[in-house]
C-alpha atoms as a PDB file:
ATOM      1  CA  MET A   1     104.861 117.469 115.245  1.00  0.00           C
ATOM      2  CA  PRO A   2     101.508 119.138 115.196  1.00  0.00           C
ATOM      3  CA  THR A   3      98.625 117.415 113.515  1.00  0.00           C
ATOM      4  CA  ASN A   4      97.301 120.180 111.673  1.00  0.00           C
ATOM      5  CA  LEU A   5      98.388 121.055 108.399  1.00  0.00           C
ATOM      6  CA  PRO A   6     101.038 123.458 107.349  1.00  0.00           C
ATOM      7  CA  ARG A   7      99.924 126.519 105.258  1.00  0.00           C
ATOM      8  CA  PRO A   8     102.983 128.016 103.922  1.00  0.00           C
ATOM      9  CA  ALA A   9     101.147 130.926 102.281  1.00  0.00           C
ATOM     10  CA  ARG A  10      99.816 131.943 106.071  1.00  0.00           C
ATOM     11  CA  LEU A  11     102.398 130.933 108.184  1.00  0.00           C
ATOM     12  CA  ALA A  12     105.856 132.491 108.773  1.00  0.00           C
ATOM     13  CA  VAL A  13     106.975 128.782 109.707  1.00  0.00           C
ATOM     14  CA  PRO A  14     105.433 125.474 108.205  1.00  0.00           C
ATOM     15  CA  LEU A  15     103.603 123.573 111.224  1.00  0.00           C
ATOM     16  CA  ALA A  16     105.187 120.384 109.586  1.00  0.00           C
ATOM     17  CA  VAL A  17     108.514 121.111 110.908  1.00  0.00           C
ATOM     18  CA  LEU A  18     109.779 118.482 113.417  1.00  0.00           C
ATOM     19  CA  VAL A  19     111.239 119.469 116.528  1.00  0.00           C
ATOM     20  CA  LEU A  20     111.850 118.257 120.011  1.00  0.00           C
ATOM     21  CA  SER A  21     109.342 119.348 122.613  1.00  0.00           C
ATOM     22  CA  GLY A  22     110.641 121.090 125.740  1.00  0.00           C
ATOM     23  CA  GLY A  23     114.140 122.241 126.456  1.00  0.00           C
ATOM     24  CA  LEU A  24     116.318 124.193 128.518  1.00  0.00           C
ATOM     25  CA  THR A  25     116.304 128.042 128.380  1.00  0.00           C
ATOM     26  CA  ALA A  26     119.344 129.792 127.208  1.00  0.00           C
ATOM     27  CA  CYS A  27     121.885 130.259 129.630  1.00  0.00           C
ATOM     28  CA  GLY A  28     123.148 133.652 130.083  1.00  0.00           C
ATOM     29  CA  GLY A  29     126.088 135.987 130.883  1.00  0.00           C
ATOM     30  CA  ALA A  30     129.851 135.859 129.832  1.00  0.00           C
ATOM     31  CA  GLU A  31     130.793 132.562 131.600  1.00  0.00           C
ATOM     32  CA  HIS A  32     130.258 129.268 129.389  1.00  0.00           C
ATOM     33  CA  ASP A  33     130.946 125.476 129.907  1.00  0.00           C
ATOM     34  CA  ASP A  34     133.865 124.844 127.616  1.00  0.00           C
ATOM     35  CA  ALA A  35     132.041 121.178 127.006  1.00  0.00           C
ATOM     36  CA  ALA A  36     129.305 122.757 125.314  1.00  0.00           C
ATOM     37  CA  SER A  37     131.407 124.456 122.987  1.00  0.00           C
ATOM     38  CA  ALA A  38     131.569 123.632 119.317  1.00  0.00           C
ATOM     39  CA  ALA A  39     134.125 120.420 119.872  1.00  0.00           C
ATOM     40  CA  GLY A  40     134.954 118.031 116.868  1.00  0.00           C
ATOM     41  CA  PRO A  41     137.590 117.666 114.353  1.00  0.00           C
ATOM     42  CA  SER A  42     139.409 120.898 113.879  1.00  0.00           C
ATOM     43  CA  SER A  43     138.768 122.826 110.731  1.00  0.00           C
ATOM     44  CA  SER A  44     141.626 124.044 108.642  1.00  0.00           C
ATOM     45  CA  SER A  45     142.760 127.379 109.712  1.00  0.00           C
ATOM     46  CA  ASP A  46     143.569 128.121 105.953  1.00  0.00           C
ATOM     47  CA  ALA A  47     139.990 127.911 104.994  1.00  0.00           C
ATOM     48  CA  PHE A  48     139.364 131.356 107.174  1.00  0.00           C
ATOM     49  CA  PRO A  49     138.381 134.171 106.297  1.00  0.00           C
ATOM     50  CA  VAL A  50     134.954 132.639 104.552  1.00  0.00           C
ATOM     51  CA  THR A  51     132.614 134.740 102.720  1.00  0.00           C
ATOM     52  CA  ILE A  52     129.200 133.360 101.873  1.00  0.00           C
ATOM     53  CA  GLU A  53     126.720 134.988  99.824  1.00  0.00           C
ATOM     54  CA  ASN A  54     122.727 134.542 101.118  1.00  0.00           C
ATOM     55  CA  ARG A  55     119.718 136.223 100.204  1.00  0.00           C
ATOM     56  CA  PHE A  56     119.982 138.794 102.593  1.00  0.00           C
ATOM     57  CA  GLY A  57     123.565 139.849 102.158  1.00  0.00           C
ATOM     58  CA  THR A  58     127.135 138.321 102.878  1.00  0.00           C
ATOM     59  CA  THR A  59     128.190 136.294 105.705  1.00  0.00           C
ATOM     60  CA  GLU A  60     131.656 136.900 106.424  1.00  0.00           C
ATOM     61  CA  ILE A  61     133.284 134.563 108.914  1.00  0.00           C
ATOM     62  CA  PRO A  62     136.687 135.714 110.018  1.00  0.00           C
ATOM     63  CA  ALA A  63     138.147 132.406 111.888  1.00  0.00           C
ATOM     64  CA  GLU A  64     136.939 128.905 112.725  1.00  0.00           C
ATOM     65  CA  PRO A  65     133.794 129.123 114.920  1.00  0.00           C
ATOM     66  CA  GLN A  66     134.030 127.840 118.566  1.00  0.00           C
ATOM     67  CA  ARG A  67     130.413 128.550 119.691  1.00  0.00           C
ATOM     68  CA  VAL A  68     127.929 127.961 117.094  1.00  0.00           C
ATOM     69  CA  VAL A  69     124.114 128.422 117.482  1.00  0.00           C
ATOM     70  CA  THR A  70     121.762 126.699 115.057  1.00  0.00           C
ATOM     71  CA  VAL A  71     118.247 128.495 114.644  1.00  0.00           C
ATOM     72  CA  GLY A  72     116.871 126.396 111.830  1.00  0.00           C
ATOM     73  CA  PHE A  73     114.179 123.634 112.589  1.00  0.00           C
ATOM     74  CA  ASN A  74     117.072 120.847 111.203  1.00  0.00           C
ATOM     75  CA  ASP A  75     120.392 122.756 111.192  1.00  0.00           C
ATOM     76  CA  GLN A  76     121.626 121.145 114.216  1.00  0.00           C
ATOM     77  CA  ASP A  77     121.825 117.706 112.270  1.00  0.00           C
ATOM     78  CA  PHE A  78     123.898 119.212 109.588  1.00  0.00           C
ATOM     79  CA  VAL A  79     126.291 120.854 112.175  1.00  0.00           C
ATOM     80  CA  LEU A  80     126.506 117.659 114.148  1.00  0.00           C
ATOM     81  CA  ALA A  81     127.361 115.626 110.928  1.00  0.00           C
ATOM     82  CA  LEU A  82     130.362 117.815 110.499  1.00  0.00           C
ATOM     83  CA  GLY A  83     131.799 117.089 113.857  1.00  0.00           C
ATOM     84  CA  VAL A  84     130.627 120.176 115.758  1.00  0.00           C
ATOM     85  CA  THR A  85     127.998 120.416 118.982  1.00  0.00           C
ATOM     86  CA  PRO A  86     126.065 123.534 118.794  1.00  0.00           C
ATOM     87  CA  VAL A  87     125.816 125.499 122.190  1.00  0.00           C
ATOM     88  CA  GLY A  88     122.243 126.401 121.473  1.00  0.00           C
ATOM     89  CA  GLU A  89     119.472 125.384 118.966  1.00  0.00           C
ATOM     90  CA  ARG A  90     115.927 125.795 117.828  1.00  0.00           C
ATOM     91  CA  GLN A  91     113.273 123.866 119.743  1.00  0.00           C
ATOM     92  CA  LEU A  92     111.031 121.987 117.342  1.00  0.00           C
ATOM     93  CA  LEU A  93     107.494 122.096 117.010  1.00  0.00           C
ATOM     94  CA  GLY A  94     105.401 119.349 118.342  1.00  0.00           C
ATOM     95  CA  ASP A  95     105.688 116.329 120.240  1.00  0.00           C
ATOM     96  CA  TYR A  96     108.955 114.350 118.927  1.00  0.00           C
ATOM     97  CA  ASP A  97     111.626 113.997 121.294  1.00  0.00           C
ATOM     98  CA  ALA A  98     114.684 114.926 119.270  1.00  0.00           C
ATOM     99  CA  THR A  99     116.837 114.552 121.977  1.00  0.00           C
ATOM    100  CA  SER A 100     116.949 110.588 121.462  1.00  0.00           C
ATOM    101  CA  ARG A 101     116.746 110.591 117.641  1.00  0.00           C
ATOM    102  CA  PRO A 102     118.377 107.085 116.686  1.00  0.00           C
ATOM    103  CA  TRP A 103     120.286 108.619 113.545  1.00  0.00           C
ATOM    104  CA  ALA A 104     122.227 110.925 115.641  1.00  0.00           C
ATOM    105  CA  GLU A 105     122.663 109.080 119.123  1.00  0.00           C
ATOM    106  CA  ASP A 106     126.339 108.706 118.766  1.00  0.00           C
ATOM    107  CA  LEU A 107     126.817 112.412 118.367  1.00  0.00           C
ATOM    108  CA  LEU A 108     124.299 114.031 120.751  1.00  0.00           C
ATOM    109  CA  PRO A 109     125.481 115.427 123.782  1.00  0.00           C
ATOM    110  CA  ALA A 110     125.006 114.020 127.185  1.00  0.00           C
ATOM    111  CA  GLU A 111     123.182 117.247 128.502  1.00  0.00           C
ATOM    112  CA  ASP A 112     120.366 118.851 126.697  1.00  0.00           C
ATOM    113  CA  VAL A 113     121.325 122.086 124.783  1.00  0.00           C
ATOM    114  CA  PRO A 114     119.846 125.456 125.467  1.00  0.00           C
ATOM    115  CA  THR A 115     117.211 126.352 123.354  1.00  0.00           C
ATOM    116  CA  VAL A 116     116.830 129.417 121.349  1.00  0.00           C
ATOM    117  CA  GLY A 117     112.813 129.757 120.651  1.00  0.00           C
ATOM    118  CA  SER A 118     110.291 127.636 118.732  1.00  0.00           C
ATOM    119  CA  ASP A 119     107.803 129.437 116.651  1.00  0.00           C
ATOM    120  CA  GLU A 120     109.856 132.473 116.607  1.00  0.00           C
ATOM    121  CA  ILE A 121     113.681 132.804 116.999  1.00  0.00           C
ATOM    122  CA  ASP A 122     114.468 134.215 120.490  1.00  0.00           C
ATOM    123  CA  VAL A 123     116.956 136.798 119.605  1.00  0.00           C
ATOM    124  CA  GLU A 124     117.829 137.716 123.354  1.00  0.00           C
ATOM    125  CA  ALA A 125     118.596 133.989 124.091  1.00  0.00           C
ATOM    126  CA  VAL A 126     120.790 133.688 120.973  1.00  0.00           C
ATOM    127  CA  ALA A 127     122.785 136.512 122.141  1.00  0.00           C
ATOM    128  CA  ALA A 128     123.094 135.438 125.651  1.00  0.00           C
ATOM    129  CA  LEU A 129     125.056 132.555 124.566  1.00  0.00           C
ATOM    130  CA  GLU A 130     127.534 134.619 122.827  1.00  0.00           C
ATOM    131  CA  PRO A 131     128.095 132.716 119.493  1.00  0.00           C
ATOM    132  CA  ASP A 132     130.558 133.196 117.009  1.00  0.00           C
ATOM    133  CA  LEU A 133     128.701 131.674 114.310  1.00  0.00           C
ATOM    134  CA  ILE A 134     124.736 131.535 113.856  1.00  0.00           C
ATOM    135  CA  VAL A 135     123.300 128.773 111.283  1.00  0.00           C
ATOM    136  CA  GLY A 136     119.682 129.204 110.132  1.00  0.00           C
ATOM    137  CA  VAL A 137     119.695 127.683 106.394  1.00  0.00           C
ATOM    138  CA  TYR A 138     116.388 126.104 107.240  1.00  0.00           C
ATOM    139  CA  SER A 139     114.879 128.697 109.702  1.00  0.00           C
ATOM    140  CA  PHE A 140     112.548 130.609 107.585  1.00  0.00           C
ATOM    141  CA  MET A 141     114.015 133.686 109.185  1.00  0.00           C
ATOM    142  CA  ASP A 142     112.885 136.990 107.550  1.00  0.00           C
ATOM    143  CA  GLU A 143     115.479 140.054 106.730  1.00  0.00           C
ATOM    144  CA  ALA A 144     114.358 141.978 110.001  1.00  0.00           C
ATOM    145  CA  VAL A 145     115.496 138.965 112.052  1.00  0.00           C
ATOM    146  CA  TYR A 146     118.734 138.351 109.822  1.00  0.00           C
ATOM    147  CA  ASP A 147     119.716 141.838 110.570  1.00  0.00           C
ATOM    148  CA  GLN A 148     119.448 141.309 114.416  1.00  0.00           C
ATOM    149  CA  LEU A 149     121.158 137.847 114.495  1.00  0.00           C
ATOM    150  CA  SER A 150     123.770 139.136 112.329  1.00  0.00           C
ATOM    151  CA  GLY A 151     124.504 142.193 114.744  1.00  0.00           C
ATOM    152  CA  ILE A 152     125.344 139.199 117.295  1.00  0.00           C
ATOM    153  CA  ALA A 153     127.534 137.083 115.039  1.00  0.00           C
ATOM    154  CA  PRO A 154     128.117 135.827 111.323  1.00  0.00           C
ATOM    155  CA  THR A 155     124.758 134.426 110.491  1.00  0.00           C
ATOM    156  CA  LEU A 156     124.411 131.606 107.698  1.00  0.00           C
ATOM    157  CA  ALA A 157     120.956 132.207 105.870  1.00  0.00           C
ATOM    158  CA  GLN A 158     119.631 130.202 103.014  1.00  0.00           C
ATOM    159  CA  THR A 159     120.437 131.522  99.533  1.00  0.00           C
ATOM    160  CA  ASP A 160     117.949 133.230  97.124  1.00  0.00           C
ATOM    161  CA  GLU A 161     118.082 130.149  94.656  1.00  0.00           C
ATOM    162  CA  TYR A 162     115.721 128.328  96.385  1.00  0.00           C
ATOM    163  CA  ALA A 163     112.034 128.762  98.268  1.00  0.00           C
ATOM    164  CA  ASP A 164     111.866 128.939 102.008  1.00  0.00           C
ATOM    165  CA  GLY A 165     112.378 125.215 103.253  1.00  0.00           C
ATOM    166  CA  ALA A 166     113.185 123.961  99.712  1.00  0.00           C
ATOM    167  CA  THR A 167     117.175 124.188  99.963  1.00  0.00           C
ATOM    168  CA  PRO A 168     118.390 120.527  98.701  1.00  0.00           C
ATOM    169  CA  TRP A 169     120.111 118.592 101.448  1.00  0.00           C
ATOM    170  CA  GLN A 170     123.053 118.497  99.477  1.00  0.00           C
ATOM    171  CA  GLU A 171     123.300 122.534  99.170  1.00  0.00           C
ATOM    172  CA  GLN A 172     122.526 122.773 102.830  1.00  0.00           C
ATOM    173  CA  THR A 173     125.328 120.569 103.752  1.00  0.00           C
ATOM    174  CA  LEU A 174     127.942 122.211 101.648  1.00  0.00           C
ATOM    175  CA  LEU A 175     126.983 125.724 102.695  1.00  0.00           C
ATOM    176  CA  THR A 176     127.391 124.605 106.300  1.00  0.00           C
ATOM    177  CA  GLY A 177     130.647 122.837 105.578  1.00  0.00           C
ATOM    178  CA  ARG A 178     132.002 126.002 104.169  1.00  0.00           C
ATOM    179  CA  ALA A 179     130.886 128.090 107.173  1.00  0.00           C
ATOM    180  CA  LEU A 180     132.750 125.586 109.405  1.00  0.00           C
ATOM    181  CA  GLY A 181     135.982 125.455 107.620  1.00  0.00           C
ATOM    182  CA  ARG A 182     135.029 121.801 106.717  1.00  0.00           C
ATOM    183  CA  GLU A 183     134.420 121.732 102.778  1.00  0.00           C
ATOM    184  CA  ASP A 184     136.187 118.538 102.228  1.00  0.00           C
ATOM    185  CA  GLU A 185     134.113 116.676 105.152  1.00  0.00           C
ATOM    186  CA  ALA A 186     130.778 118.281 103.760  1.00  0.00           C
ATOM    187  CA  GLN A 187     131.793 116.777 100.362  1.00  0.00           C
ATOM    188  CA  GLN A 188     132.465 113.502 101.735  1.00  0.00           C
ATOM    189  CA  LEU A 189     129.084 113.435 103.419  1.00  0.00           C
ATOM    190  CA  VAL A 190     127.275 114.187 100.384  1.00  0.00           C
ATOM    191  CA  ASP A 191     129.176 111.458  98.138  1.00  0.00           C
ATOM    192  CA  ASP A 192     128.588 109.188 100.902  1.00  0.00           C
ATOM    193  CA  VAL A 193     124.849 109.609 101.237  1.00  0.00           C
ATOM    194  CA  GLU A 194     124.366 109.873  97.672  1.00  0.00           C
ATOM    195  CA  GLY A 195     126.097 106.754  97.142  1.00  0.00           C
ATOM    196  CA  ARG A 196     123.661 105.058  99.331  1.00  0.00           C
ATOM    197  CA  PHE A 197     120.904 106.626  97.286  1.00  0.00           C
ATOM    198  CA  ARG A 198     122.338 105.361  93.918  1.00  0.00           C
ATOM    199  CA  GLN A 199     122.291 101.884  95.537  1.00  0.00           C
ATOM    200  CA  ALA A 200     118.955 102.131  96.370  1.00  0.00           C
ATOM    201  CA  VAL A 201     118.025 103.089  92.893  1.00  0.00           C
ATOM    202  CA  GLU A 202     120.001 100.320  91.374  1.00  0.00           C
ATOM    203  CA  GLU A 203     118.237  97.670  93.776  1.00  0.00           C
ATOM    204  CA  ASN A 204     114.719  99.184  93.063  1.00  0.00           C
ATOM    205  CA  PRO A 205     114.618 100.277  89.335  1.00  0.00           C
ATOM    206  CA  GLY A 206     111.004 100.364  89.296  1.00  0.00           C
ATOM    207  CA  PHE A 207     111.205 103.746  91.396  1.00  0.00           C
ATOM    208  CA  SER A 208     112.575 105.616  88.568  1.00  0.00           C
ATOM    209  CA  GLY A 209     109.800 107.529  86.781  1.00  0.00           C
ATOM    210  CA  SER A 210     107.157 106.094  89.200  1.00  0.00           C
ATOM    211  CA  SER A 211     104.711 108.906  90.712  1.00  0.00           C
ATOM    212  CA  ILE A 212     104.334 109.273  94.547  1.00  0.00           C
ATOM    213  CA  ALA A 213     102.056 111.323  96.349  1.00  0.00           C
ATOM    214  CA  VAL A 214     103.057 112.295  99.817  1.00  0.00           C
ATOM    215  CA  ASP A 215     100.094 113.114 102.043  1.00  0.00           C
ATOM    216  CA  LEU A 216     100.750 115.144 104.934  1.00  0.00           C
ATOM    217  CA  THR A 217      97.781 114.463 107.366  1.00  0.00           C
ATOM    218  CA  GLY A 218      96.336 113.788 110.988  1.00  0.00           C
ATOM    219  CA  VAL A 219      93.842 112.581 113.024  1.00  0.00           C
ATOM    220  CA  GLY A 220      91.061 115.211 112.819  1.00  0.00           C
ATOM    221  CA  SER A 221      92.606 117.228 110.080  1.00  0.00           C
ATOM    222  CA  GLY A 222      92.578 117.370 106.509  1.00  0.00           C
ATOM    223  CA  HIS A 223      94.994 116.325 103.808  1.00  0.00           C
ATOM    224  CA  TYR A 224      97.874 118.502 102.160  1.00  0.00           C
ATOM    225  CA  LEU A 225      99.800 117.006  99.289  1.00  0.00           C
ATOM    226  CA  LEU A 226     103.570 117.813  99.382  1.00  0.00           C
ATOM    227  CA  GLY A 227     105.244 119.019  96.120  1.00  0.00           C
ATOM    228  CA  ALA A 228     108.821 119.688  94.947  1.00  0.00           C
ATOM    229  CA  ASP A 229     108.854 123.188  97.144  1.00  0.00           C
ATOM    230  CA  ASP A 230     108.971 121.003 100.296  1.00  0.00           C
ATOM    231  CA  LEU A 231     112.203 119.410 101.617  1.00  0.00           C
ATOM    232  CA  ARG A 232     110.399 116.366 102.538  1.00  0.00           C
ATOM    233  CA  THR A 233     109.833 115.107  98.998  1.00  0.00           C
ATOM    234  CA  GLN A 234     113.445 114.990  98.139  1.00  0.00           C
ATOM    235  CA  PHE A 235     113.921 111.906  99.770  1.00  0.00           C
ATOM    236  CA  PHE A 236     111.446 110.172  97.133  1.00  0.00           C
ATOM    237  CA  THR A 237     112.687 112.311  94.234  1.00  0.00           C
ATOM    238  CA  ASP A 238     116.435 111.052  94.910  1.00  0.00           C
ATOM    239  CA  LEU A 239     114.799 107.625  94.564  1.00  0.00           C
ATOM    240  CA  GLY A 240     113.641 108.424  91.331  1.00  0.00           C
ATOM    241  CA  PHE A 241     110.051 108.893  92.112  1.00  0.00           C
ATOM    242  CA  THR A 242     107.995 112.038  90.567  1.00  0.00           C
ATOM    243  CA  VAL A 243     106.311 114.787  92.719  1.00  0.00           C
ATOM    244  CA  PRO A 244     103.844 117.496  91.839  1.00  0.00           C
ATOM    245  CA  ASP A 245     105.787 120.835  91.309  1.00  0.00           C
ATOM    246  CA  ALA A 246     103.908 122.478  94.186  1.00  0.00           C
ATOM    247  CA  SER A 247     102.438 121.796  97.448  1.00  0.00           C
ATOM    248  CA  THR A 248      98.766 122.250  97.800  1.00  0.00           C
ATOM    249  CA  ASP A 249      95.551 121.579 100.242  1.00  0.00           C
ATOM    250  CA  VAL A 250      93.324 118.646  99.373  1.00  0.00           C
ATOM    251  CA  SER A 251      89.987 118.814 100.171  1.00  0.00           C
ATOM    252  CA  GLN A 252      87.693 115.921 100.946  1.00  0.00           C
ATOM    253  CA  GLU A 253      86.081 115.934  97.891  1.00  0.00           C
ATOM    254  CA  ARG A 254      89.501 115.953  95.823  1.00  0.00           C
ATOM    255  CA  LEU A 255      91.348 112.983  97.610  1.00  0.00           C
ATOM    256  CA  ASP A 256      91.624 111.636  93.926  1.00  0.00           C
ATOM    257  CA  LEU A 257      94.721 113.966  93.659  1.00  0.00           C
ATOM    258  CA  LEU A 258      96.210 111.684  96.040  1.00  0.00           C
ATOM    259  CA  GLU A 259      96.006 108.846  93.461  1.00  0.00           C
ATOM    260  CA  ALA A 260      99.364 108.026  92.168  1.00  0.00           C
ATOM    261  CA  ASP A 261     101.555 104.869  91.502  1.00  0.00           C
ATOM    262  CA  VAL A 262     102.426 104.969  95.423  1.00  0.00           C
ATOM    263  CA  LEU A 263     100.838 107.043  98.147  1.00  0.00           C
ATOM    264  CA  ALA A 264     103.164 107.780 101.323  1.00  0.00           C
ATOM    265  CA  VAL A 265     101.116 109.215 104.165  1.00  0.00           C
ATOM    266  CA  ASN A 266     102.918 111.137 106.802  1.00  0.00           C
ATOM    267  CA  GLY A 267     100.836 111.330 110.089  1.00  0.00           C
ATOM    268  CA  TYR A 268      98.740 108.357 110.056  1.00  0.00           C
ATOM    269  CA  ASP A 269      99.507 104.459 111.619  1.00  0.00           C
ATOM    270  CA  ARG A 270      97.406 101.571 110.417  1.00  0.00           C
ATOM    271  CA  ASP A 271      94.572 102.265 112.740  1.00  0.00           C
ATOM    272  CA  ASP A 272      94.258 106.095 111.584  1.00  0.00           C
ATOM    273  CA  ALA A 273      94.250 104.899 108.039  1.00  0.00           C
ATOM    274  CA  ASP A 274      91.552 102.341 108.406  1.00  0.00           C
ATOM    275  CA  ALA A 275      89.543 104.840 110.307  1.00  0.00           C
ATOM    276  CA  ASP A 276      89.754 107.367 107.297  1.00  0.00           C
ATOM    277  CA  THR A 277      87.010 105.982 105.347  1.00  0.00           C
ATOM    278  CA  LEU A 278      87.349 108.227 102.354  1.00  0.00           C
ATOM    279  CA  LEU A 279      90.847 107.591 102.176  1.00  0.00           C
ATOM    280  CA  SER A 280      90.637 103.864 102.529  1.00  0.00           C
ATOM    281  CA  ALA A 281      88.275 104.137  99.289  1.00  0.00           C
ATOM    282  CA  LEU A 282      91.243 105.383  97.120  1.00  0.00           C
ATOM    283  CA  ASP A 283      92.267 102.587  94.283  1.00  0.00           C
ATOM    284  CA  VAL A 284      95.868 103.288  95.668  1.00  0.00           C
ATOM    285  CA  VAL A 285      94.985 102.326  99.265  1.00  0.00           C
ATOM    286  CA  THR A 286      92.759  99.409  98.107  1.00  0.00           C
ATOM    287  CA  GLU A 287      95.346  98.014  95.820  1.00  0.00           C
ATOM    288  CA  ASP A 288      97.927  98.229  98.828  1.00  0.00           C
ATOM    289  CA  ARG A 289     100.036 100.826  96.969  1.00  0.00           C
ATOM    290  CA  THR A 290     100.245 102.765 100.451  1.00  0.00           C
ATOM    291  CA  VAL A 291     103.125 103.411 102.778  1.00  0.00           C
ATOM    292  CA  LEU A 292     102.009 104.543 106.125  1.00  0.00           C
ATOM    293  CA  LEU A 293     104.937 106.672 107.825  1.00  0.00           C
ATOM    294  CA  GLY A 294     103.315 106.795 111.242  1.00  0.00           C
ATOM    295  CA  GLY A 295     102.693 109.442 113.438  1.00  0.00           C
ATOM    296  CA  TYR A 296     104.469 112.758 114.097  1.00  0.00           C
ATOM    297  CA  SER A 297     105.913 111.534 117.380  1.00  0.00           C
ATOM    298  CA  GLY A 298     107.746 108.588 115.450  1.00  0.00           C
ATOM    299  CA  ASP A 299     111.151 108.313 114.377  1.00  0.00           C
ATOM    300  CA  VAL A 300     110.623 108.017 110.325  1.00  0.00           C
ATOM    301  CA  SER A 301     108.216 110.818 110.168  1.00  0.00           C
ATOM    302  CA  ALA A 302     110.607 112.959 112.144  1.00  0.00           C
ATOM    303  CA  ALA A 303     113.830 111.768 109.919  1.00  0.00           C
ATOM    304  CA  LEU A 304     111.729 112.928 106.963  1.00  0.00           C
ATOM    305  CA  GLY A 305     111.458 116.377 108.304  1.00  0.00           C
ATOM    306  CA  PHE A 306     115.061 116.665 109.306  1.00  0.00           C
ATOM    307  CA  GLY A 307     116.351 115.281 105.883  1.00  0.00           C
ATOM    308  CA  SER A 308     119.808 115.763 106.932  1.00  0.00           C
ATOM    309  CA  PRO A 309     122.844 113.759 105.960  1.00  0.00           C
ATOM    310  CA  LEU A 310     122.284 111.644 109.026  1.00  0.00           C
ATOM    311  CA  SER A 311     118.593 111.126 108.966  1.00  0.00           C
ATOM    312  CA  LEU A 312     118.595 110.157 105.238  1.00  0.00           C
ATOM    313  CA  PRO A 313     120.548 106.857 105.578  1.00  0.00           C
ATOM    314  CA  TYR A 314     118.151 106.077 108.685  1.00  0.00           C
ATOM    315  CA  LEU A 315     114.989 106.598 106.005  1.00  0.00           C
ATOM    316  CA  LEU A 316     116.676 104.482 103.255  1.00  0.00           C
ATOM    317  CA  ASP A 317     117.065 101.308 105.708  1.00  0.00           C
ATOM    318  CA  GLU A 318     113.359 101.921 107.181  1.00  0.00           C
ATOM    319  CA  VAL A 319     111.592 103.204 104.258  1.00  0.00           C
ATOM    320  CA  VAL A 320     112.878 101.941 100.961  1.00  0.00           C
ATOM    321  CA  PRO A 321     111.554  98.146 101.504  1.00  0.00           C
ATOM    322  CA  ALA A 322     108.006  99.346 102.174  1.00  0.00           C
ATOM    323  CA  LEU A 323     108.134 101.362  98.940  1.00  0.00           C
ATOM    324  CA  ALA A 324     109.529  98.306  97.254  1.00  0.00           C
ATOM    325  CA  ALA A 325     106.406  96.335  98.544  1.00  0.00           C
ATOM    326  CA  ALA A 326     103.957  99.092  97.751  1.00  0.00           C
ATOM    327  CA  GLY A 327     105.316  99.416  94.123  1.00  0.00           C
ATOM    328  CA  ASP A 328     106.095  95.814  93.153  1.00  0.00           C
ATOM    329  CA  GLY A 329     102.416  95.677  91.319  1.00  0.00           C
ATOM    330  CA  ASP A 330     101.233  92.638  93.494  1.00  0.00           C
ATOM    331  CA  PRO A 331      98.461  93.771  95.757  1.00  0.00           C
ATOM    332  CA  SER A 332      99.105  90.708  97.952  1.00  0.00           C
ATOM    333  CA  THR A 333     102.368  91.721  98.934  1.00  0.00           C
ATOM    334  CA  GLU A 334     102.035  93.234 102.418  1.00  0.00           C
ATOM    335  CA  VAL A 335     103.532  96.615 102.914  1.00  0.00           C
ATOM    336  CA  PRO A 336     104.937  97.183 106.478  1.00  0.00           C
ATOM    337  CA  ALA A 337     103.564 100.123 108.390  1.00  0.00           C
ATOM    338  CA  LEU A 338     106.230 102.282 109.743  1.00  0.00           C
ATOM    339  CA  GLY A 339     106.576 104.812 112.828  1.00  0.00           C
END
């Protein structure tokens, strides 16, 4: 992940999106390795045809997809969680090695998956893979790109119910499940992960109603306060924390905007935080109510960016103990730094 900050108003794709560095170019031609196709538990043939409304039109999927390409920055996790291996995927921005992400290690293919662009979707690379379904709920695609992709294969884009990049993970899971003909499996995934969140909330009642500031930063860059319009805050709100309605830049003069019951810093390890003298002067830091999520090349930061039914249980295991320590009201409690 880049250390510079996302500016959604100025960028087509927020720079905070997490993804793998490097990858194979998409293979072309009409011949394909069957082992790379969308293998997994069979969906019900009775589920098709499937019709799904999206913000640009209607996605009509006539039969069970066999060759799925994901063009969103986290859509590969949602497809994998439903038992389908994509034949192509979007290359992530930044330096996180997603090919070994621990929350999906049992589902990742042995060989690298061809990539279909990074900053921009490479429409020609998508076409070369001859997909019969394109999944791009978290792709930030515009209508022009959607029209190109839907000319290749049925294309699942996000609905118009949410802002770009703010579709809840539950909705994204269910949308993907419908497109794959695996609605029951998708609902079970949602139920299972929501059950994990309920357990965490029951074990940590102090989370409910507490405010949290989720700070996106990096060495040599400024601070960016994430709001409810960014999917990364949903992990915290699902635990009962409150966040601002909208994301915003935070100037050095207004670091007080980061004061909250708990501060979660995405992009800093302990040394980075100690070197930031202005941040270190905040009450939420001096009183040890701060959780350091680690640098953007680390698993915790990446899992937060994926925000999937695979990565969220991993986050619950890794982050909840640190949040509990930060919010227990005892400054002497050591809050573990994550990464």
